[in-house]
Amino acid sequence: MQGVNAMGLTAIDLGLRGATSGVFLMIILVVLLRRATGQQALLGMAMSAGGVFYAITTAPFFPKSSWWWVLPILSAQPAVFWLWARAAFDDDFVLRRWHGALWLAIVAVGFAITLGWANWPALALAGGKVLSSVAVVLALAAAVQTVKTWRADLVARRRRLRLAMLAINVVLIAAVAGAGFAAIPVAVPGAPGSLPTALGLFVVAMLAGLGAFGTQAAVAVNDATAAIASGEARGADRAARGGIVVDPLLLRRLDHLMTVERIYRQEGLSIGTLAARFDVPEYRLRQAINEGLGYRNFNAFLNHYRIEDAKLALSDLVQREVPVLTIAMDAGFQSIGPFNRAFKAETGMTPSEFRREALTSAQTAPDADRDRKIGQRRQEIG
């Protein structure tokens, strides 16, 4: 009877792993069909592929002879998850070369540990604990990133899924790291009691699937008038279909507050402060900015107005001697670093380059206008 129960649990374990692999493969297929090429899509496929690899290689009856190359790749999965979390939850994240170098370094250390385990067990054990420490640090970094950007997130689905997704993934990564602190460098594939791991992987895959299959591309609308008109049209369409309706009056009030009162200059402005100003629930304001104007992040929404403000100041001949930092602070930015990054992302130029080009155009424009009038006068005389 005990053998039958054990076989039944093993069958459930394998079934969950098969379903997990199927969901992760479906996510990869959906991303490919959408022809998404952004860093979030690429990292999402990498994390999904890693999920399939983890589900298969940690399953019961997986050959032990393969552990020497399986363990190093498994040990680098926390790095993939951390990068995916950064790309998924931080719209300003940019993938750098050193991120790939970090992944390769973890894999290299993993291979060194597995190949040296027979001859230098003590050294390999110490190296395993180092990798486990790295896994814990990366898991905590992903959790901090989620908490840090949660308030500014305007996408309702992403806000609901991110906390559950990260909580489960952090638990799984902590389990892998715990095995390293206990006795071995990383979790042993096919170890007894792997059913909870299979169940956790299945839940993660389902959450990832909900996020991937329900995500729609957001198109930012930069012109306020066009945004309001678009929001009204979309609101009418949703009303006809019984969907979510964005209040056009709220969009007009928001546009007036940003373009006339320029509240974006206020220090420490948050979505909660703005909702209190309108006396509306916070979720309604999030919905208006996201569904009505196409912004996924509150900071991106504010930065659009701040950068437009800064562009006017940088193009003004009267303010040519005003430092860039002063212009950035007047527009609502708290420091020069975020201003430079946001400005270049919006315009493709640094603030100094934009100012130089704008002032040159402003200085040559009167001369060109004068020459045009002289030419017209000569034609009239001739």
Protein backbone atom coordinates (compact mmCIF):
# COMPACT_ATOMS: atom_id res chain seq x y z
CA MET A 1 0.00 0.00 0.00
CA GLN A 2 2.86 2.35 0.85
CA GLY A 3 4.47 1.55 -2.51
CA VAL A 4 1.23 2.37 -4.30
CA ASN A 5 0.99 5.69 -2.49
CA ALA A 6 4.59 6.49 -3.36
CA MET A 7 3.95 5.66 -7.01
CA GLY A 8 0.83 7.82 -6.97
CA LEU A 9 2.71 10.80 -5.54
CA THR A 10 5.45 10.31 -8.10
CA ALA A 11 2.84 10.24 -10.88
CA ILE A 12 1.33 13.49 -9.59
CA ASP A 13 4.80 15.00 -9.35
CA LEU A 14 5.61 14.09 -12.97
CA GLY A 15 2.19 15.26 -14.15
CA LEU A 16 2.63 18.68 -12.54
CA ARG A 17 6.07 19.02 -14.07
CA GLY A 18 4.71 18.11 -17.49
CA ALA A 19 1.94 20.70 -17.17
CA THR A 20 4.47 23.28 -15.97
CA SER A 21 6.70 22.64 -18.97
CA GLY A 22 3.70 22.93 -21.29
CA VAL A 23 2.67 26.31 -19.88
CA PHE A 24 6.22 27.70 -20.06
CA LEU A 25 6.58 26.48 -23.65
CA MET A 26 3.25 28.10 -24.50
CA ILE A 27 4.52 31.40 -23.09
CA ILE A 28 7.60 31.18 -25.33
CA LEU A 29 5.38 30.40 -28.33
CA VAL A 30 3.08 33.37 -27.60
CA VAL A 31 6.06 35.74 -27.35
CA LEU A 32 7.43 34.45 -30.66
CA LEU A 33 4.05 34.77 -32.37
CA ARG A 34 3.74 38.34 -31.15
CA ARG A 35 7.20 38.98 -32.57
CA ALA A 36 8.15 40.81 -29.41
CA THR A 37 11.81 41.82 -29.41
CA GLY A 38 12.08 43.92 -26.25
CA GLN A 39 14.29 42.99 -23.35
CA GLN A 40 11.27 42.01 -21.23
CA ALA A 41 10.14 39.56 -23.91
CA LEU A 42 13.63 38.08 -24.30
CA LEU A 43 14.12 37.73 -20.55
CA GLY A 44 10.62 36.28 -20.22
CA MET A 45 11.51 33.59 -22.75
CA ALA A 46 14.79 32.94 -20.95
CA MET A 47 13.00 32.56 -17.62
CA SER A 48 10.37 30.29 -19.19
CA ALA A 49 13.07 28.14 -20.79
CA GLY A 50 14.77 27.99 -17.40
CA GLY A 51 11.49 26.90 -15.85
CA VAL A 52 11.19 24.03 -18.32
CA PHE A 53 14.81 23.04 -17.66
CA TYR A 54 14.30 23.16 -13.89
CA ALA A 55 11.05 21.15 -14.04
CA ILE A 56 12.69 18.39 -16.08
CA THR A 57 16.09 18.14 -14.44
CA THR A 58 14.75 18.14 -10.86
CA ALA A 59 12.16 15.44 -11.61
CA PRO A 60 12.39 11.95 -10.06
CA PHE A 61 14.40 9.41 -12.04
CA PHE A 62 16.44 12.10 -13.83
CA PRO A 63 19.87 10.49 -14.46
CA LYS A 64 22.45 11.35 -11.81
CA SER A 65 25.22 11.20 -14.39
CA SER A 66 23.99 14.54 -15.76
CA TRP A 67 24.27 16.43 -12.49
CA TRP A 68 27.74 17.80 -13.30
CA TRP A 69 26.34 20.07 -16.04
CA VAL A 70 22.78 20.47 -14.72
CA LEU A 71 23.74 21.96 -11.36
CA PRO A 72 25.76 24.93 -12.74
CA ILE A 73 22.87 26.01 -14.99
CA LEU A 74 20.36 25.64 -12.16
CA SER A 75 22.55 27.75 -9.91
CA ALA A 76 22.35 30.63 -12.42
CA GLN A 77 18.54 30.66 -12.59
CA PRO A 78 18.21 33.23 -9.77
CA ALA A 79 20.18 35.67 -11.95
CA VAL A 80 17.76 35.13 -14.85
CA PHE A 81 14.78 35.64 -12.55
CA TRP A 82 16.29 38.82 -11.08
CA LEU A 83 16.84 40.29 -14.54
CA TRP A 84 13.33 39.32 -15.62
CA ALA A 85 11.86 40.97 -12.52
CA ARG A 86 13.82 44.15 -13.24
CA ALA A 87 12.61 44.25 -16.86
CA ALA A 88 9.00 43.29 -16.02
CA PHE A 89 8.46 45.68 -13.12
CA ASP A 90 10.78 48.59 -13.94
CA ASP A 91 9.90 50.29 -17.23
CA ASP A 92 13.17 52.24 -17.15
CA PHE A 93 15.39 49.16 -16.83
CA VAL A 94 18.04 48.67 -19.53
CA LEU A 95 19.83 45.35 -19.99
CA ARG A 96 23.62 45.79 -19.82
CA ARG A 97 26.53 43.60 -20.84
CA TRP A 98 27.60 43.10 -17.25
CA HIS A 99 24.26 41.40 -16.57
CA GLY A 100 25.20 38.68 -19.04
CA ALA A 101 28.69 38.55 -17.57
CA LEU A 102 27.18 37.94 -14.13
CA TRP A 103 25.16 34.99 -15.44
CA LEU A 104 28.23 33.51 -17.15
CA ALA A 105 30.32 33.96 -13.99
CA ILE A 106 27.78 32.06 -11.90
CA VAL A 107 27.66 29.24 -14.44
CA ALA A 108 31.48 29.12 -14.55
CA VAL A 109 31.73 28.92 -10.76
CA GLY A 110 29.07 26.21 -10.78
CA PHE A 111 31.07 24.11 -13.23
CA ALA A 112 34.21 24.61 -11.16
CA ILE A 113 32.37 23.36 -8.08
CA THR A 114 30.87 20.28 -9.70
CA LEU A 115 34.10 19.29 -11.46
CA GLY A 116 36.18 19.84 -8.33
CA TRP A 117 33.80 18.19 -5.88
CA ALA A 118 35.60 14.82 -5.93
CA ASN A 119 39.11 16.22 -5.36
CA TRP A 120 38.41 19.32 -3.23
CA PRO A 121 35.12 18.73 -1.38
CA ALA A 122 35.75 21.39 1.28
CA LEU A 123 36.53 24.06 -1.32
CA ALA A 124 33.54 23.02 -3.42
CA LEU A 125 31.28 23.21 -0.37
CA ALA A 126 32.50 26.74 0.37
CA GLY A 127 31.93 27.73 -3.25
CA GLY A 128 28.43 26.28 -3.08
CA LYS A 129 27.64 28.43 -0.07
CA VAL A 130 28.87 31.47 -1.98
CA LEU A 131 26.49 30.66 -4.85
CA SER A 132 23.68 30.17 -2.35
CA SER A 133 24.44 33.59 -0.88
CA VAL A 134 24.32 35.11 -4.35
CA ALA A 135 20.93 33.45 -4.94
CA VAL A 136 19.55 34.93 -1.71
CA VAL A 137 20.89 38.41 -2.57
CA LEU A 138 19.35 38.29 -6.05
CA ALA A 139 16.02 37.08 -4.65
CA LEU A 140 15.99 39.93 -2.14
CA ALA A 141 16.96 42.42 -4.86
CA ALA A 142 14.00 41.25 -6.96
CA ALA A 143 11.68 41.60 -3.97
CA VAL A 144 12.97 45.11 -3.20
CA GLN A 145 12.49 46.10 -6.84
CA THR A 146 8.89 44.95 -6.71
CA VAL A 147 8.12 46.89 -3.54
CA LYS A 148 10.01 49.96 -4.79
CA THR A 149 8.06 50.29 -8.05
CA TRP A 150 4.70 48.90 -6.92
CA ARG A 151 3.15 52.25 -6.01
CA ALA A 152 4.02 53.88 -9.34
CA ASP A 153 2.69 50.96 -11.41
CA LEU A 154 -0.49 51.89 -13.28
CA VAL A 155 -1.23 48.50 -14.90
CA ALA A 156 -3.84 46.80 -12.73
CA ARG A 157 -3.09 43.26 -13.92
CA ARG A 158 0.63 43.69 -13.38
CA ARG A 159 0.04 45.10 -9.90
CA ARG A 160 -2.04 42.07 -8.93
CA LEU A 161 0.30 39.47 -10.35
CA ARG A 162 3.68 40.83 -9.39
CA LEU A 163 3.48 40.28 -5.62
CA ALA A 164 2.20 36.70 -5.88
CA MET A 165 4.69 35.89 -8.62
CA LEU A 166 7.64 37.24 -6.70
CA ALA A 167 6.60 35.70 -3.38
CA ILE A 168 6.48 32.20 -4.85
CA ASN A 169 9.69 32.62 -6.82
CA VAL A 170 11.55 33.98 -3.82
CA VAL A 171 10.43 30.92 -1.81
CA LEU A 172 11.67 28.59 -4.54
CA ILE A 173 15.01 30.37 -4.83
CA ALA A 174 15.36 30.39 -1.04
CA ALA A 175 14.79 26.62 -1.04
CA VAL A 176 17.58 26.16 -3.57
CA ALA A 177 19.84 28.44 -1.56
CA GLY A 178 18.96 26.60 1.66
CA ALA A 179 20.21 23.36 0.20
CA GLY A 180 23.53 25.03 -0.51
CA PHE A 181 23.88 26.29 3.05
CA ALA A 182 22.95 22.86 4.41
CA ALA A 183 25.27 20.44 2.67
CA ILE A 184 25.60 20.77 -1.10
CA PRO A 185 26.13 23.63 -3.55
CA VAL A 186 22.65 23.60 -5.05
CA ALA A 187 19.45 21.61 -4.75
CA VAL A 188 19.86 17.98 -5.80
CA PRO A 189 17.66 17.02 -8.76
CA GLY A 190 15.18 14.29 -8.07
CA ALA A 191 15.60 14.48 -4.31
CA PRO A 192 12.91 12.99 -2.03
CA GLY A 193 10.02 15.33 -1.32
CA SER A 194 10.15 17.00 -4.75
CA LEU A 195 6.35 17.13 -5.01
CA PRO A 196 6.14 20.54 -3.22
CA THR A 197 8.72 21.87 -5.70
CA ALA A 198 6.65 20.55 -8.60
CA LEU A 199 3.51 22.17 -7.18
CA GLY A 200 5.32 25.46 -6.66
CA LEU A 201 6.64 25.40 -10.22
CA PHE A 202 3.14 24.72 -11.53
CA VAL A 203 1.70 27.70 -9.64
CA VAL A 204 4.53 29.92 -10.91
CA ALA A 205 3.91 28.78 -14.47
CA MET A 206 0.18 29.52 -14.19
CA LEU A 207 0.84 33.00 -12.81
CA ALA A 208 3.39 33.67 -15.53
CA GLY A 209 0.88 32.45 -18.10
CA LEU A 210 -1.82 34.80 -16.80
CA GLY A 211 0.63 37.68 -17.04
CA ALA A 212 1.87 36.78 -20.53
CA PHE A 213 -1.45 35.86 -22.14
CA GLY A 214 -3.31 38.84 -20.71
CA THR A 215 -0.72 41.51 -21.48
CA GLN A 216 -1.56 44.03 -24.17
CA ALA A 217 0.87 46.49 -25.61
CA ALA A 218 0.37 49.99 -24.26
CA VAL A 219 0.80 52.93 -26.60
CA ALA A 220 1.71 56.16 -24.90
CA VAL A 221 -0.19 59.20 -26.13
CA ASN A 222 1.92 62.31 -25.71
CA ASP A 223 -0.48 64.97 -26.99
CA ALA A 224 -2.93 65.86 -24.23
CA THR A 225 -5.82 66.82 -26.53
CA ALA A 226 -5.43 63.69 -28.64
CA ALA A 227 -5.19 61.65 -25.46
CA ILE A 228 -8.45 63.02 -24.08
CA ALA A 229 -10.24 62.51 -27.40
CA SER A 230 -8.87 59.00 -27.63
CA GLY A 231 -9.90 58.31 -24.05
CA GLU A 232 -13.46 59.48 -24.79
CA ALA A 233 -13.69 57.31 -27.89
CA ARG A 234 -12.35 54.28 -26.09
CA GLY A 235 -14.64 54.97 -23.16
CA ALA A 236 -17.69 54.99 -25.44
CA ASP A 237 -16.55 51.77 -27.08
CA ARG A 238 -16.08 50.06 -23.71
CA ALA A 239 -19.45 51.30 -22.53
CA ALA A 240 -21.08 49.72 -25.59
CA ARG A 241 -19.32 46.44 -24.82
CA GLY A 242 -19.96 46.64 -21.08
CA GLY A 243 -16.27 47.14 -20.29
CA ILE A 244 -14.32 49.61 -18.15
CA VAL A 245 -15.17 53.25 -18.86
CA VAL A 246 -12.63 56.06 -18.36
CA ASP A 247 -14.25 59.28 -17.16
CA PRO A 248 -13.52 61.99 -19.81
CA LEU A 249 -14.17 64.73 -17.22
CA LEU A 250 -11.41 63.29 -15.05
CA LEU A 251 -9.07 63.34 -18.04
CA ARG A 252 -9.88 67.01 -18.68
CA ARG A 253 -9.31 67.92 -15.03
CA LEU A 254 -6.04 66.00 -15.11
CA ASP A 255 -4.91 67.80 -18.27
CA HIS A 256 -5.75 71.20 -16.74
CA LEU A 257 -3.87 70.39 -13.55
CA MET A 258 -0.77 69.32 -15.48
CA THR A 259 -0.67 71.89 -18.31
CA VAL A 260 -2.09 74.97 -16.56
CA GLU A 261 -1.30 74.54 -12.87
CA ARG A 262 1.84 72.50 -13.63
CA ILE A 263 1.49 70.39 -10.51
CA TYR A 264 4.19 68.07 -11.82
CA ARG A 265 6.70 70.58 -10.41
CA GLN A 266 5.55 69.74 -6.88
CA GLU A 267 8.20 67.90 -4.87
CA GLY A 268 7.27 64.36 -3.81
CA LEU A 269 4.11 64.25 -5.94
CA SER A 270 2.57 60.77 -5.78
CA ILE A 271 -0.46 59.03 -7.24
CA GLY A 272 -2.08 59.18 -3.81
CA THR A 273 -1.55 62.93 -3.52
CA LEU A 274 -3.03 63.49 -6.96
CA ALA A 275 -6.03 61.27 -6.21
CA ALA A 276 -6.68 63.24 -3.02
CA ARG A 277 -6.50 66.48 -5.03
CA PHE A 278 -9.26 65.17 -7.32
CA ASP A 279 -11.14 63.54 -4.44
CA VAL A 280 -11.36 60.25 -6.35
CA PRO A 281 -10.27 56.73 -5.38
CA GLU A 282 -6.68 55.98 -6.26
CA TYR A 283 -7.61 53.06 -8.51
CA ARG A 284 -9.79 55.34 -10.67
CA LEU A 285 -6.92 57.74 -11.26
CA ARG A 286 -4.59 54.85 -12.10
CA GLN A 287 -7.18 53.57 -14.56
CA ALA A 288 -7.59 57.00 -16.17
CA ILE A 289 -3.86 57.50 -16.71
CA ASN A 290 -3.30 53.93 -17.90
CA GLU A 291 -6.47 53.23 -19.92
CA GLY A 292 -7.16 56.80 -21.03
CA LEU A 293 -3.65 58.12 -21.72
CA GLY A 294 -1.69 54.92 -22.33
CA TYR A 295 0.94 55.27 -19.59
CA ARG A 296 2.09 52.17 -17.71
CA ASN A 297 4.01 54.02 -15.01
CA PHE A 298 3.14 57.13 -12.98
CA ASN A 299 6.70 58.43 -13.08
CA ALA A 300 6.74 58.19 -16.88
CA PHE A 301 3.49 60.17 -16.94
CA LEU A 302 5.00 62.94 -14.78
CA ASN A 303 8.31 62.91 -16.64
CA HIS A 304 6.57 63.60 -19.95
CA TYR A 305 5.35 66.97 -18.68
CA ARG A 306 8.60 67.69 -16.84
CA ILE A 307 10.67 67.07 -19.95
CA GLU A 308 8.41 69.25 -22.09
CA ASP A 309 8.86 71.99 -19.48
CA ALA A 310 12.63 71.53 -19.54
CA LYS A 311 12.72 71.57 -23.36
CA LEU A 312 11.04 74.97 -23.42
CA ALA A 313 13.55 76.34 -20.92
CA LEU A 314 16.53 74.85 -22.75
CA SER A 315 15.31 76.40 -26.02
CA ASP A 316 14.88 79.87 -24.48
CA LEU A 317 17.62 82.36 -25.45
CA VAL A 318 16.94 84.33 -22.27
CA GLN A 319 17.82 81.27 -20.15
CA ARG A 320 20.95 80.28 -22.04
CA GLU A 321 23.14 80.86 -18.96
CA VAL A 322 20.87 79.01 -16.54
CA PRO A 323 22.53 75.71 -15.46
CA VAL A 324 20.92 72.49 -16.68
CA LEU A 325 20.59 71.31 -13.07
CA THR A 326 18.53 74.39 -12.19
CA ILE A 327 16.21 73.78 -15.16
CA ALA A 328 15.84 70.13 -14.15
CA MET A 329 15.00 71.03 -10.55
CA ASP A 330 12.51 73.71 -11.65
CA ALA A 331 10.76 71.14 -13.85
CA GLY A 332 10.28 68.78 -10.90
CA PHE A 333 13.27 66.43 -11.02
CA GLN A 334 15.09 65.82 -7.75
CA SER A 335 18.57 65.22 -9.21
CA ILE A 336 20.48 65.47 -12.48
CA GLY A 337 20.95 61.73 -13.04
CA PRO A 338 17.27 60.75 -13.47
CA PHE A 339 16.69 63.91 -15.51
CA ASN A 340 19.50 63.07 -17.96
CA ARG A 341 18.29 59.48 -18.38
CA ALA A 342 14.65 60.44 -18.84
CA PHE A 343 15.50 63.31 -21.21
CA LYS A 344 17.66 61.14 -23.45
CA ALA A 345 15.07 58.37 -23.49
CA GLU A 346 12.43 60.90 -24.59
CA THR A 347 14.44 62.93 -27.13
CA GLY A 348 17.43 60.78 -28.07
CA MET A 349 19.78 63.59 -26.98
CA THR A 350 21.33 64.76 -23.75
CA PRO A 351 19.99 68.06 -22.33
CA SER A 352 23.23 69.85 -23.30
CA GLU A 353 23.05 68.56 -26.88
CA PHE A 354 19.38 69.57 -27.14
CA ARG A 355 20.12 73.06 -25.78
CA ARG A 356 23.02 73.58 -28.20
CA GLU A 357 20.93 72.55 -31.19
CA ALA A 358 17.85 74.51 -30.08
CA LEU A 359 19.78 77.73 -29.39
CA THR A 360 21.60 77.46 -32.70
CA SER A 361 18.28 77.17 -34.52
CA ALA A 362 16.81 80.07 -32.54
CA GLN A 363 19.78 82.31 -33.38
CA THR A 364 19.79 81.50 -37.10
CA ALA A 365 16.02 81.73 -37.51
CA PRO A 366 15.85 85.57 -37.40
CA ASP A 367 18.65 85.84 -39.98
CA ALA A 368 16.92 83.42 -42.30
CA ASP A 369 13.63 85.30 -41.90
CA ARG A 370 15.38 88.61 -42.66
CA ASP A 371 17.04 87.20 -45.82
CA ARG A 372 13.68 85.83 -46.98
CA LYS A 373 12.03 89.26 -46.59
CA ILE A 374 14.91 90.99 -48.44
CA GLY A 375 14.57 88.54 -51.34
CA GLN A 376 10.83 89.15 -51.52
CA ARG A 377 11.42 92.94 -51.54
CA ARG A 378 13.95 92.68 -54.38
CA GLN A 379 11.47 90.66 -56.44
CA GLU A 380 8.81 93.30 -55.88
CA ILE A 381 11.22 96.07 -56.94
CA GLY A 382 12.48 94.13 -59.94
